[in-house]
Every structure is written in C-alpha cells, then in structure tokens.
Amino acid sequence: MSPDANAVTNLTEIAVDSTLSVEALMAKSDEEGVEIVECQIVSNRLMEVMSKKGLSQEETSRRTRMMTGRQLTRILKNEHCPSLERAVALSTVLGEPLDRLFKFKVKTRKILPPAHGRPEE
C-alpha cells in the first residue's frame, strides 16, 4: 500500500466548529499532519468598516471590480460566502486584514501515522 493511501485510511476529525482568525487558521494548517478540509465565513465586520470609511455598498462593490452591489449585499447579510479572491479584494479596498473583516468556522482532520504492527493491505 502506498503511504498516501495509508494516510487516507487513518484520518481523524479534530477541531470541528472552532472559530478562528486567519492567523490562527494558517497556524493550524502549518501543524504537521493537519489538513483543513472545510472553511466557512461565519460572520463579518464589513458594514462597520465600510461605515467608518464612508463607503456605500455600491462604491465598495465598484472598487473591488469583482462583484455587484447585490452580491455584496448577500455577503453583508452572511447569505453568501465570498470567494477568496473577493474576500481579498474587499480587504484591499477597505484597507483591513482578512482576519479583521471575517471570522471563520474551520473543520480540520489529522493524518495519523500508520499503526505499528498493522499489516499493510
């Protein structure tokens, strides 16, 4: 059995439903043997930041050059999760790092080493 096939049979779920910042998310993915299998944005501070910057939804969406005002409205209401490209565009337009704009729900799994003494298939 190849090492990759063996690793797949030894997956265990960990850290389900943890809410992390982008920095914590990256640190988690850098851990040896941990794989991020699902990531969702669960909340955002876009409206608050847009307000502080004096930007309307229309102006913000126009400046991203990647979404319509309607798409931004759905993101603001947490009805739609933006793609990474759109999240980065919003971060750039608003001048705020991703982890100050969004909070994430992350599902990870740990790839366990092959069990010793277990016959390989």
C-alpha atoms as a PDB file:
ATOM      1  CA  MET A   1       0.000   0.000   0.000  1.00  0.00           C
ATOM      2  CA  SER A   2       1.355   3.447  -0.843  1.00  0.00           C
ATOM      3  CA  PRO A   3       1.989   5.917   2.017  1.00  0.00           C
ATOM      4  CA  ASP A   4      -0.691   8.262   0.656  1.00  0.00           C
ATOM      5  CA  ALA A   5      -3.337   5.544   0.575  1.00  0.00           C
ATOM      6  CA  ASN A   6      -2.421   4.522   4.131  1.00  0.00           C
ATOM      7  CA  ALA A   7      -2.687   8.136   5.335  1.00  0.00           C
ATOM      8  CA  VAL A   8      -6.184   8.450   3.898  1.00  0.00           C
ATOM      9  CA  THR A   9      -7.350   5.413   5.870  1.00  0.00           C
ATOM     10  CA  ASN A  10      -6.026   6.990   9.091  1.00  0.00           C
ATOM     11  CA  LEU A  11      -7.893  10.307   9.026  1.00  0.00           C
ATOM     12  CA  THR A  12      -9.437  11.589  12.231  1.00  0.00           C
ATOM     13  CA  GLU A  13     -11.565  14.677  12.611  1.00  0.00           C
ATOM     14  CA  ILE A  14     -10.400  17.339  15.061  1.00  0.00           C
ATOM     15  CA  ALA A  15     -11.264  20.948  15.878  1.00  0.00           C
ATOM     16  CA  VAL A  16     -14.765  20.909  14.431  1.00  0.00           C
ATOM     17  CA  ASP A  17     -16.750  24.136  14.833  1.00  0.00           C
ATOM     18  CA  SER A  18     -13.819  26.190  16.035  1.00  0.00           C
ATOM     19  CA  THR A  19     -13.996  29.874  15.166  1.00  0.00           C
ATOM     20  CA  LEU A  20     -10.557  31.154  14.211  1.00  0.00           C
ATOM     21  CA  SER A  21      -8.899  34.240  12.836  1.00  0.00           C
ATOM     22  CA  VAL A  22      -6.944  33.984   9.600  1.00  0.00           C
ATOM     23  CA  GLU A  23      -3.666  33.912  11.578  1.00  0.00           C
ATOM     24  CA  ALA A  24      -4.891  31.046  13.736  1.00  0.00           C
ATOM     25  CA  LEU A  25      -6.213  29.267  10.644  1.00  0.00           C
ATOM     26  CA  MET A  26      -2.813  29.481   8.945  1.00  0.00           C
ATOM     27  CA  ALA A  27      -1.015  28.331  12.096  1.00  0.00           C
ATOM     28  CA  LYS A  28      -3.379  25.344  12.314  1.00  0.00           C
ATOM     29  CA  SER A  29      -2.732  24.399   8.688  1.00  0.00           C
ATOM     30  CA  ASP A  30       1.038  24.595   9.282  1.00  0.00           C
ATOM     31  CA  GLU A  31       0.903  21.967  12.025  1.00  0.00           C
ATOM     32  CA  GLU A  32       2.455  18.713  10.955  1.00  0.00           C
ATOM     33  CA  GLY A  33      -0.151  16.246   9.778  1.00  0.00           C
ATOM     34  CA  VAL A  34      -3.172  18.585   9.971  1.00  0.00           C
ATOM     35  CA  GLU A  35      -5.298  19.252   6.925  1.00  0.00           C
ATOM     36  CA  ILE A  36      -8.053  21.848   6.606  1.00  0.00           C
ATOM     37  CA  VAL A  37     -10.997  20.145   4.929  1.00  0.00           C
ATOM     38  CA  GLU A  38     -13.668  22.827   5.217  1.00  0.00           C
ATOM     39  CA  CYS A  39     -13.665  26.554   5.896  1.00  0.00           C
ATOM     40  CA  GLN A  40     -16.691  28.831   6.092  1.00  0.00           C
ATOM     41  CA  ILE A  41     -17.026  32.509   6.921  1.00  0.00           C
ATOM     42  CA  VAL A  42     -19.474  32.749   9.823  1.00  0.00           C
ATOM     43  CA  SER A  43     -19.509  36.493  10.410  1.00  0.00           C
ATOM     44  CA  ASN A  44     -18.085  39.693   9.030  1.00  0.00           C
ATOM     45  CA  ARG A  45     -17.462  43.297  10.029  1.00  0.00           C
ATOM     46  CA  LEU A  46     -17.796  44.681   6.509  1.00  0.00           C
ATOM     47  CA  MET A  47     -20.672  47.091   7.194  1.00  0.00           C
ATOM     48  CA  GLU A  48     -18.919  48.513  10.268  1.00  0.00           C
ATOM     49  CA  VAL A  49     -15.666  49.084   8.353  1.00  0.00           C
ATOM     50  CA  MET A  50     -17.450  50.467   5.283  1.00  0.00           C
ATOM     51  CA  SER A  51     -19.287  52.919   7.547  1.00  0.00           C
ATOM     52  CA  LYS A  52     -16.053  54.089   9.191  1.00  0.00           C
ATOM     53  CA  LYS A  53     -14.512  54.622   5.747  1.00  0.00           C
ATOM     54  CA  GLY A  54     -17.612  56.428   4.474  1.00  0.00           C
ATOM     55  CA  LEU A  55     -18.156  53.905   1.678  1.00  0.00           C
ATOM     56  CA  SER A  56     -21.547  52.815   0.384  1.00  0.00           C
ATOM     57  CA  GLN A  57     -22.259  49.270  -0.765  1.00  0.00           C
ATOM     58  CA  GLU A  58     -22.313  50.442  -4.362  1.00  0.00           C
ATOM     59  CA  GLU A  59     -18.969  52.252  -4.062  1.00  0.00           C
ATOM     60  CA  THR A  60     -17.346  49.329  -2.243  1.00  0.00           C
ATOM     61  CA  SER A  61     -18.540  46.807  -4.823  1.00  0.00           C
ATOM     62  CA  ARG A  62     -17.464  49.097  -7.693  1.00  0.00           C
ATOM     63  CA  ARG A  63     -13.970  49.482  -6.217  1.00  0.00           C
ATOM     64  CA  THR A  64     -13.492  45.718  -5.917  1.00  0.00           C
ATOM     65  CA  ARG A  65     -14.235  45.353  -9.656  1.00  0.00           C
ATOM     66  CA  MET A  66     -15.299  41.800  -8.797  1.00  0.00           C
ATOM     67  CA  MET A  67     -18.904  41.975  -7.597  1.00  0.00           C
ATOM     68  CA  THR A  68     -22.194  43.768  -7.977  1.00  0.00           C
ATOM     69  CA  GLY A  69     -23.930  45.690  -5.216  1.00  0.00           C
ATOM     70  CA  ARG A  70     -26.414  42.834  -4.948  1.00  0.00           C
ATOM     71  CA  GLN A  71     -23.632  40.276  -4.430  1.00  0.00           C
ATOM     72  CA  LEU A  72     -22.083  42.473  -1.736  1.00  0.00           C
ATOM     73  CA  THR A  73     -25.471  42.774  -0.014  1.00  0.00           C
ATOM     74  CA  ARG A  74     -25.703  38.972   0.184  1.00  0.00           C
ATOM     75  CA  ILE A  75     -22.174  38.816   1.649  1.00  0.00           C
ATOM     76  CA  LEU A  76     -23.030  41.531   4.206  1.00  0.00           C
ATOM     77  CA  LYS A  77     -26.069  39.512   5.330  1.00  0.00           C
ATOM     78  CA  ASN A  78     -23.994  36.295   5.546  1.00  0.00           C
ATOM     79  CA  GLU A  79     -26.241  34.792   2.859  1.00  0.00           C
ATOM     80  CA  HIS A  80     -23.265  34.188   0.582  1.00  0.00           C
ATOM     81  CA  CYS A  81     -19.669  33.277   1.325  1.00  0.00           C
ATOM     82  CA  PRO A  82     -17.282  35.266  -0.885  1.00  0.00           C
ATOM     83  CA  SER A  83     -14.590  33.514  -2.851  1.00  0.00           C
ATOM     84  CA  LEU A  84     -11.043  34.009  -1.611  1.00  0.00           C
ATOM     85  CA  GLU A  85     -10.444  36.457  -4.469  1.00  0.00           C
ATOM     86  CA  ARG A  86     -13.464  38.562  -3.491  1.00  0.00           C
ATOM     87  CA  ALA A  87     -12.570  38.462   0.217  1.00  0.00           C
ATOM     88  CA  VAL A  88      -9.049  39.675  -0.635  1.00  0.00           C
ATOM     89  CA  ALA A  89     -10.495  42.391  -2.903  1.00  0.00           C
ATOM     90  CA  LEU A  90     -12.714  43.598  -0.051  1.00  0.00           C
ATOM     91  CA  SER A  91      -9.740  43.527   2.313  1.00  0.00           C
ATOM     92  CA  THR A  92      -7.715  45.623  -0.141  1.00  0.00           C
ATOM     93  CA  VAL A  93     -10.484  48.152  -0.827  1.00  0.00           C
ATOM     94  CA  LEU A  94     -11.273  48.569   2.872  1.00  0.00           C
ATOM     95  CA  GLY A  95      -7.628  48.603   3.973  1.00  0.00           C
ATOM     96  CA  GLU A  96      -8.186  45.939   6.635  1.00  0.00           C
ATOM     97  CA  PRO A  97      -6.605  42.496   7.019  1.00  0.00           C
ATOM     98  CA  LEU A  98      -8.844  39.499   6.337  1.00  0.00           C
ATOM     99  CA  ASP A  99      -8.892  38.439   9.984  1.00  0.00           C
ATOM    100  CA  ARG A 100     -10.325  41.815  10.976  1.00  0.00           C
ATOM    101  CA  LEU A 101     -13.103  41.529   8.396  1.00  0.00           C
ATOM    102  CA  PHE A 102     -14.086  37.862   8.681  1.00  0.00           C
ATOM    103  CA  LYS A 103     -14.353  35.078  11.273  1.00  0.00           C
ATOM    104  CA  PHE A 104     -14.142  31.501  10.087  1.00  0.00           C
ATOM    105  CA  LYS A 105     -15.611  28.131  11.040  1.00  0.00           C
ATOM    106  CA  VAL A 106     -12.971  25.540  10.297  1.00  0.00           C
ATOM    107  CA  LYS A 107     -13.088  21.770  10.084  1.00  0.00           C
ATOM    108  CA  THR A 108      -9.739  20.014  10.150  1.00  0.00           C
ATOM    109  CA  ARG A 109      -8.554  16.466  10.288  1.00  0.00           C
ATOM    110  CA  LYS A 110      -5.315  14.976  11.441  1.00  0.00           C
ATOM    111  CA  ILE A 111      -3.457  12.463   9.349  1.00  0.00           C
ATOM    112  CA  LEU A 112      -2.271   9.822  11.778  1.00  0.00           C
ATOM    113  CA  PRO A 113       0.913   7.884  11.189  1.00  0.00           C
ATOM    114  CA  PRO A 114       0.452   4.247  10.146  1.00  0.00           C
ATOM    115  CA  ALA A 115      -0.224   1.979  13.101  1.00  0.00           C
ATOM    116  CA  HIS A 116       2.793  -0.142  14.041  1.00  0.00           C
ATOM    117  CA  GLY A 117       2.333  -3.844  13.701  1.00  0.00           C
ATOM    118  CA  ARG A 118      -0.700  -3.427  11.496  1.00  0.00           C
ATOM    119  CA  PRO A 119      -0.433  -5.414   8.291  1.00  0.00           C
ATOM    120  CA  GLU A 120      -0.362  -3.308   5.175  1.00  0.00           C
ATOM    121  CA  GLU A 121      -3.027  -4.099   2.619  1.00  0.00           C
END
